[in-house]
């Protein structure tokens, strides 16, 4: 598990971020889950776009580059939809709907992921 912070704002974006860095964990993603509790999230790497086919609830999506800088944001992505493809992104955070607004996360923010390997 990882912890994600926005040090400039002093906010915690996710307290329990689960990695999805293998083919099988990326393929499964959040499928089969009934909810994503506040503070939880999924870090998909590599990733530039996500889909919501088979999902039961909306999520917020944060697109990151290799330096963990926010290069795109999608709030309240609904089931059955596809996110935009963000060319600059190398990974994605899938977070509970409302996380972007609650934390005040903005494009260009430099995030810290505790325990993350060096970029």
N, C-alpha and C. Protein backbone atom coordinates (compact mmCIF):
# COMPACT_ATOMS: atom_id res chain seq x y z
N UNK A 1 0.84 -1.19 0.00
CA UNK A 1 0.00 0.00 0.00
C UNK A 1 0.88 1.25 0.00
N UNK A 2 0.38 2.25 -0.66
CA UNK A 2 1.08 3.53 -0.75
C UNK A 2 0.23 4.64 -0.15
N UNK A 3 0.88 5.75 0.17
CA UNK A 3 0.22 6.97 0.63
C UNK A 3 0.53 8.05 -0.40
N UNK A 4 -0.52 8.78 -0.84
CA UNK A 4 -0.34 9.83 -1.83
C UNK A 4 -0.64 11.17 -1.18
N UNK A 5 0.31 12.12 -1.35
CA UNK A 5 0.14 13.45 -0.77
C UNK A 5 0.36 14.51 -1.84
N UNK A 6 -0.32 15.64 -1.64
CA UNK A 6 -0.05 16.85 -2.41
C UNK A 6 0.64 17.78 -1.43
N UNK A 7 1.98 17.80 -1.38
CA UNK A 7 2.70 18.56 -0.35
C UNK A 7 2.47 20.07 -0.45
N UNK A 8 2.22 20.57 -1.64
CA UNK A 8 2.00 22.01 -1.79
C UNK A 8 0.72 22.45 -1.08
N UNK A 9 -0.32 21.63 -1.15
CA UNK A 9 -1.58 21.94 -0.48
C UNK A 9 -1.64 21.35 0.93
N UNK A 10 -0.74 20.42 1.22
CA UNK A 10 -0.75 19.78 2.52
C UNK A 10 -1.87 18.77 2.69
N UNK A 11 -2.38 18.24 1.56
CA UNK A 11 -3.50 17.31 1.63
C UNK A 11 -3.07 15.89 1.32
N UNK A 12 -3.78 14.94 1.92
CA UNK A 12 -3.59 13.53 1.61
C UNK A 12 -4.63 13.16 0.56
N UNK A 13 -4.17 12.68 -0.57
CA UNK A 13 -5.05 12.32 -1.68
C UNK A 13 -5.59 10.90 -1.49
N UNK A 14 -4.74 9.99 -1.04
CA UNK A 14 -5.15 8.61 -0.76
C UNK A 14 -4.26 8.05 0.35
N UNK A 15 -4.88 7.40 1.31
CA UNK A 15 -4.16 6.79 2.42
C UNK A 15 -3.81 5.33 2.15
N UNK A 16 -4.61 4.69 1.31
CA UNK A 16 -4.44 3.27 1.01
C UNK A 16 -4.51 3.08 -0.50
N UNK A 17 -3.39 3.34 -1.15
CA UNK A 17 -3.31 3.21 -2.60
C UNK A 17 -2.71 1.85 -2.93
N UNK A 18 -3.46 1.07 -3.66
CA UNK A 18 -3.03 -0.28 -4.05
C UNK A 18 -2.38 -0.21 -5.44
N UNK A 19 -1.24 -0.84 -5.64
CA UNK A 19 -0.60 -0.81 -6.96
C UNK A 19 -1.24 -1.82 -7.91
N UNK A 20 -1.30 -1.43 -9.18
CA UNK A 20 -1.71 -2.33 -10.27
C UNK A 20 -0.67 -2.13 -11.37
N UNK A 21 0.46 -2.82 -11.20
CA UNK A 21 1.60 -2.59 -12.08
C UNK A 21 1.92 -3.80 -12.94
N UNK A 22 1.17 -4.88 -12.83
CA UNK A 22 1.38 -6.04 -13.68
C UNK A 22 0.22 -6.13 -14.67
N UNK A 23 0.43 -6.93 -15.70
CA UNK A 23 -0.62 -7.10 -16.71
C UNK A 23 -1.95 -7.51 -16.06
N UNK A 24 -1.91 -8.49 -15.18
CA UNK A 24 -3.14 -9.03 -14.61
C UNK A 24 -3.79 -8.06 -13.63
N UNK A 25 -3.01 -7.35 -12.82
CA UNK A 25 -3.62 -6.40 -11.87
C UNK A 25 -4.18 -5.18 -12.60
N UNK A 26 -3.52 -4.76 -13.70
CA UNK A 26 -4.06 -3.65 -14.50
C UNK A 26 -5.35 -4.09 -15.20
N UNK A 27 -5.36 -5.31 -15.71
CA UNK A 27 -6.54 -5.83 -16.41
C UNK A 27 -7.74 -5.91 -15.46
N UNK A 28 -7.51 -6.37 -14.25
CA UNK A 28 -8.61 -6.48 -13.27
C UNK A 28 -9.04 -5.11 -12.75
N UNK A 29 -8.08 -4.26 -12.44
CA UNK A 29 -8.41 -2.93 -11.94
C UNK A 29 -9.37 -2.99 -10.76
N UNK A 30 -10.44 -2.23 -10.85
CA UNK A 30 -11.45 -2.20 -9.79
C UNK A 30 -12.67 -3.05 -10.12
N UNK A 31 -12.59 -3.83 -11.22
CA UNK A 31 -13.73 -4.66 -11.60
C UNK A 31 -14.09 -5.62 -10.47
N UNK A 32 -15.37 -5.78 -10.25
CA UNK A 32 -15.87 -6.69 -9.23
C UNK A 32 -16.01 -6.06 -7.86
N UNK A 33 -15.59 -4.80 -7.71
CA UNK A 33 -15.75 -4.13 -6.42
C UNK A 33 -17.08 -3.40 -6.39
N UNK A 34 -17.64 -3.26 -5.21
CA UNK A 34 -18.93 -2.60 -5.05
C UNK A 34 -18.80 -1.11 -4.73
N UNK A 35 -17.63 -0.74 -4.20
CA UNK A 35 -17.38 0.66 -3.84
C UNK A 35 -15.89 0.87 -3.69
N UNK A 36 -15.52 2.14 -3.67
CA UNK A 36 -14.14 2.52 -3.38
C UNK A 36 -14.22 3.48 -2.21
N UNK A 37 -13.93 3.01 -1.00
CA UNK A 37 -14.07 3.85 0.19
C UNK A 37 -13.16 5.08 0.15
N UNK A 38 -13.58 6.15 0.78
CA UNK A 38 -12.76 7.35 0.88
C UNK A 38 -11.41 6.98 1.47
N UNK A 39 -10.35 7.50 0.87
CA UNK A 39 -8.99 7.20 1.33
C UNK A 39 -8.34 6.06 0.56
N UNK A 40 -9.14 5.27 -0.16
CA UNK A 40 -8.61 4.16 -0.95
C UNK A 40 -8.34 4.63 -2.38
N UNK A 41 -7.59 3.82 -3.13
CA UNK A 41 -7.34 4.12 -4.53
C UNK A 41 -6.55 3.02 -5.19
N UNK A 42 -6.43 3.14 -6.50
CA UNK A 42 -5.68 2.18 -7.29
C UNK A 42 -4.71 2.97 -8.17
N UNK A 43 -3.44 2.56 -8.18
CA UNK A 43 -2.41 3.20 -8.99
C UNK A 43 -2.08 2.26 -10.14
N UNK A 44 -2.50 2.63 -11.35
CA UNK A 44 -2.31 1.80 -12.53
C UNK A 44 -1.11 2.35 -13.32
N UNK A 45 -0.12 1.47 -13.53
CA UNK A 45 1.09 1.86 -14.23
C UNK A 45 1.60 0.69 -15.06
N UNK A 46 1.85 0.88 -16.35
CA UNK A 46 1.66 2.08 -17.16
C UNK A 46 0.19 2.23 -17.54
N UNK A 47 -0.21 3.48 -17.79
CA UNK A 47 -1.60 3.75 -18.16
C UNK A 47 -1.74 5.18 -18.66
N UNK A 48 -2.54 5.36 -19.72
CA UNK A 48 -2.84 6.69 -20.27
C UNK A 48 -4.34 6.93 -20.38
N UNK A 49 -5.14 5.87 -20.19
CA UNK A 49 -6.59 5.96 -20.36
C UNK A 49 -7.24 4.81 -19.60
N UNK A 50 -8.43 5.05 -19.06
CA UNK A 50 -9.17 3.99 -18.37
C UNK A 50 -10.59 3.91 -18.93
N UNK A 51 -11.18 2.74 -18.75
CA UNK A 51 -12.60 2.57 -19.13
C UNK A 51 -13.39 2.15 -17.90
N UNK A 52 -14.68 2.35 -17.98
CA UNK A 52 -15.56 2.04 -16.84
C UNK A 52 -16.56 0.94 -17.20
N UNK A 53 -16.26 0.13 -18.22
CA UNK A 53 -17.15 -0.96 -18.59
C UNK A 53 -17.15 -2.00 -17.48
N UNK A 54 -18.32 -2.40 -17.03
CA UNK A 54 -18.45 -3.38 -15.96
C UNK A 54 -18.38 -2.80 -14.56
N UNK A 55 -18.17 -1.50 -14.45
CA UNK A 55 -18.09 -0.86 -13.14
C UNK A 55 -19.48 -0.52 -12.61
N UNK A 56 -19.59 -0.38 -11.28
CA UNK A 56 -20.88 -0.13 -10.63
C UNK A 56 -20.99 1.27 -10.03
N UNK A 57 -19.89 2.02 -10.04
CA UNK A 57 -19.88 3.32 -9.39
C UNK A 57 -18.91 4.25 -10.11
N UNK A 58 -19.08 5.55 -9.91
CA UNK A 58 -18.22 6.56 -10.53
C UNK A 58 -16.92 6.69 -9.73
N UNK A 59 -15.88 7.17 -10.42
CA UNK A 59 -14.57 7.41 -9.78
C UNK A 59 -14.00 8.74 -10.30
N UNK A 60 -13.02 9.25 -9.60
CA UNK A 60 -12.17 10.34 -10.08
C UNK A 60 -10.90 9.72 -10.63
N UNK A 61 -10.37 10.30 -11.70
CA UNK A 61 -9.16 9.77 -12.33
C UNK A 61 -8.11 10.88 -12.40
N UNK A 62 -6.92 10.58 -11.89
CA UNK A 62 -5.80 11.53 -11.90
C UNK A 62 -4.70 10.93 -12.76
N UNK A 63 -4.31 11.65 -13.80
CA UNK A 63 -3.27 11.20 -14.73
C UNK A 63 -1.94 11.81 -14.31
N UNK A 64 -0.90 10.97 -14.21
CA UNK A 64 0.42 11.40 -13.75
C UNK A 64 1.48 11.11 -14.80
N UNK A 65 2.52 11.96 -14.83
CA UNK A 65 3.69 11.66 -15.67
C UNK A 65 4.72 10.91 -14.83
N UNK A 66 5.88 10.66 -15.40
CA UNK A 66 6.91 9.89 -14.68
C UNK A 66 7.38 10.56 -13.40
N UNK A 67 7.29 11.90 -13.35
CA UNK A 67 7.73 12.65 -12.16
C UNK A 67 6.62 12.79 -11.13
N UNK A 68 5.48 12.12 -11.34
CA UNK A 68 4.30 12.17 -10.46
C UNK A 68 3.65 13.56 -10.46
N UNK A 69 3.78 14.26 -11.59
CA UNK A 69 3.11 15.55 -11.77
C UNK A 69 1.75 15.29 -12.40
N UNK A 70 0.72 15.97 -11.92
CA UNK A 70 -0.64 15.80 -12.46
C UNK A 70 -0.71 16.42 -13.84
N UNK A 71 -0.98 15.59 -14.85
CA UNK A 71 -1.07 16.06 -16.24
C UNK A 71 -2.49 15.99 -16.78
N UNK A 72 -3.42 15.51 -15.96
CA UNK A 72 -4.83 15.46 -16.36
C UNK A 72 -5.69 15.03 -15.21
N UNK A 73 -6.95 15.50 -15.23
CA UNK A 73 -7.92 15.17 -14.18
C UNK A 73 -9.27 14.90 -14.82
N UNK A 74 -9.95 13.87 -14.36
CA UNK A 74 -11.32 13.59 -14.77
C UNK A 74 -12.12 13.30 -13.51
N UNK A 75 -13.10 14.16 -13.23
CA UNK A 75 -13.94 13.98 -12.05
C UNK A 75 -15.20 13.20 -12.40
N UNK A 76 -15.62 12.34 -11.48
CA UNK A 76 -16.91 11.67 -11.57
C UNK A 76 -17.10 10.90 -12.88
N UNK A 77 -16.11 10.10 -13.25
CA UNK A 77 -16.22 9.27 -14.45
C UNK A 77 -17.24 8.16 -14.17
N UNK A 78 -18.29 8.13 -14.94
CA UNK A 78 -19.43 7.25 -14.70
C UNK A 78 -19.24 5.86 -15.31
N UNK A 79 -19.92 4.84 -14.76
CA UNK A 79 -19.88 3.50 -15.35
C UNK A 79 -20.28 3.54 -16.83
N UNK A 80 -19.61 2.70 -17.62
CA UNK A 80 -19.90 2.62 -19.04
C UNK A 80 -19.19 3.66 -19.89
N UNK A 81 -18.40 4.52 -19.29
CA UNK A 81 -17.71 5.59 -20.01
C UNK A 81 -16.22 5.28 -20.18
N UNK A 82 -15.57 6.08 -21.03
CA UNK A 82 -14.13 5.97 -21.25
C UNK A 82 -13.52 7.34 -20.94
N UNK A 83 -12.41 7.33 -20.24
CA UNK A 83 -11.73 8.59 -19.93
C UNK A 83 -11.06 9.13 -21.19
N UNK A 84 -10.69 10.40 -21.16
CA UNK A 84 -9.83 10.89 -22.25
C UNK A 84 -8.50 10.17 -22.22
N UNK A 85 -7.84 10.08 -23.36
CA UNK A 85 -6.47 9.55 -23.41
C UNK A 85 -5.53 10.72 -23.20
N UNK A 86 -4.66 10.61 -22.20
CA UNK A 86 -3.73 11.69 -21.87
C UNK A 86 -2.34 11.24 -22.29
N UNK A 87 -1.88 11.78 -23.40
CA UNK A 87 -0.61 11.35 -24.02
C UNK A 87 0.58 11.48 -23.07
N UNK A 88 0.60 12.53 -22.25
CA UNK A 88 1.73 12.77 -21.34
C UNK A 88 1.74 11.83 -20.14
N UNK A 89 0.63 11.18 -19.87
CA UNK A 89 0.50 10.33 -18.68
C UNK A 89 1.28 9.03 -18.84
N UNK A 90 1.83 8.58 -17.72
CA UNK A 90 2.46 7.26 -17.68
C UNK A 90 1.79 6.38 -16.62
N UNK A 91 0.97 6.99 -15.76
CA UNK A 91 0.22 6.22 -14.77
C UNK A 91 -1.05 6.98 -14.41
N UNK A 92 -1.94 6.27 -13.74
CA UNK A 92 -3.25 6.82 -13.38
C UNK A 92 -3.57 6.44 -11.94
N UNK A 93 -4.16 7.37 -11.22
CA UNK A 93 -4.75 7.09 -9.91
C UNK A 93 -6.25 7.02 -10.08
N UNK A 94 -6.85 5.91 -9.68
CA UNK A 94 -8.31 5.81 -9.63
C UNK A 94 -8.71 6.01 -8.18
N UNK A 95 -9.55 7.01 -7.95
CA UNK A 95 -9.90 7.44 -6.59
C UNK A 95 -11.41 7.56 -6.45
N UNK A 96 -11.92 7.55 -5.22
CA UNK A 96 -13.36 7.71 -5.03
C UNK A 96 -13.85 9.02 -5.64
N UNK A 97 -15.03 8.98 -6.23
CA UNK A 97 -15.63 10.20 -6.79
C UNK A 97 -15.69 11.26 -5.70
N UNK A 98 -15.29 12.47 -6.05
CA UNK A 98 -15.29 13.58 -5.12
C UNK A 98 -13.93 13.88 -4.52
N UNK A 99 -12.95 12.99 -4.73
CA UNK A 99 -11.62 13.18 -4.15
C UNK A 99 -10.93 14.42 -4.72
N UNK A 100 -11.04 14.63 -6.03
CA UNK A 100 -10.39 15.78 -6.65
C UNK A 100 -10.91 17.07 -6.04
N UNK A 101 -12.22 17.19 -5.91
CA UNK A 101 -12.82 18.40 -5.33
C UNK A 101 -12.47 18.52 -3.84
N UNK A 102 -12.55 17.42 -3.11
CA UNK A 102 -12.30 17.44 -1.66
C UNK A 102 -10.88 17.87 -1.33
N UNK A 103 -9.92 17.43 -2.15
CA UNK A 103 -8.51 17.73 -1.87
C UNK A 103 -8.02 18.99 -2.58
N UNK A 104 -8.83 19.54 -3.49
CA UNK A 104 -8.41 20.73 -4.24
C UNK A 104 -7.30 20.44 -5.23
N UNK A 105 -7.19 19.20 -5.67
CA UNK A 105 -6.12 18.80 -6.58
C UNK A 105 -6.25 19.53 -7.91
N UNK A 106 -5.13 20.01 -8.44
CA UNK A 106 -5.11 20.79 -9.69
C UNK A 106 -4.09 20.21 -10.66
N UNK A 107 -4.32 20.42 -11.95
CA UNK A 107 -3.34 20.04 -12.96
C UNK A 107 -2.05 20.79 -12.65
N UNK A 108 -0.93 20.11 -12.82
CA UNK A 108 0.38 20.69 -12.53
C UNK A 108 0.89 20.40 -11.13
N UNK A 109 0.01 19.91 -10.25
CA UNK A 109 0.44 19.59 -8.88
C UNK A 109 1.50 18.49 -8.91
N UNK A 110 2.46 18.62 -8.05
CA UNK A 110 3.53 17.63 -7.90
C UNK A 110 3.19 16.75 -6.71
N UNK A 111 2.82 15.49 -6.96
CA UNK A 111 2.43 14.59 -5.88
C UNK A 111 3.63 13.81 -5.35
N UNK A 112 3.48 13.31 -4.14
CA UNK A 112 4.43 12.40 -3.52
C UNK A 112 3.71 11.09 -3.24
N UNK A 113 4.33 9.99 -3.59
CA UNK A 113 3.77 8.68 -3.30
C UNK A 113 4.78 7.97 -2.43
N UNK A 114 4.44 7.81 -1.16
CA UNK A 114 5.35 7.18 -0.19
C UNK A 114 5.59 5.73 -0.58
N UNK A 115 6.88 5.38 -0.66
CA UNK A 115 7.24 4.02 -1.02
C UNK A 115 7.39 3.81 -2.50
N UNK A 116 7.13 4.85 -3.31
CA UNK A 116 7.24 4.71 -4.76
C UNK A 116 8.70 4.61 -5.18
N UNK A 117 9.00 3.81 -6.19
CA UNK A 117 10.38 3.76 -6.68
C UNK A 117 10.74 5.09 -7.32
N UNK A 118 12.01 5.40 -7.37
CA UNK A 118 12.47 6.66 -7.98
C UNK A 118 12.08 6.69 -9.45
N UNK A 119 11.68 7.86 -9.92
CA UNK A 119 11.26 8.02 -11.33
C UNK A 119 12.46 8.00 -12.24
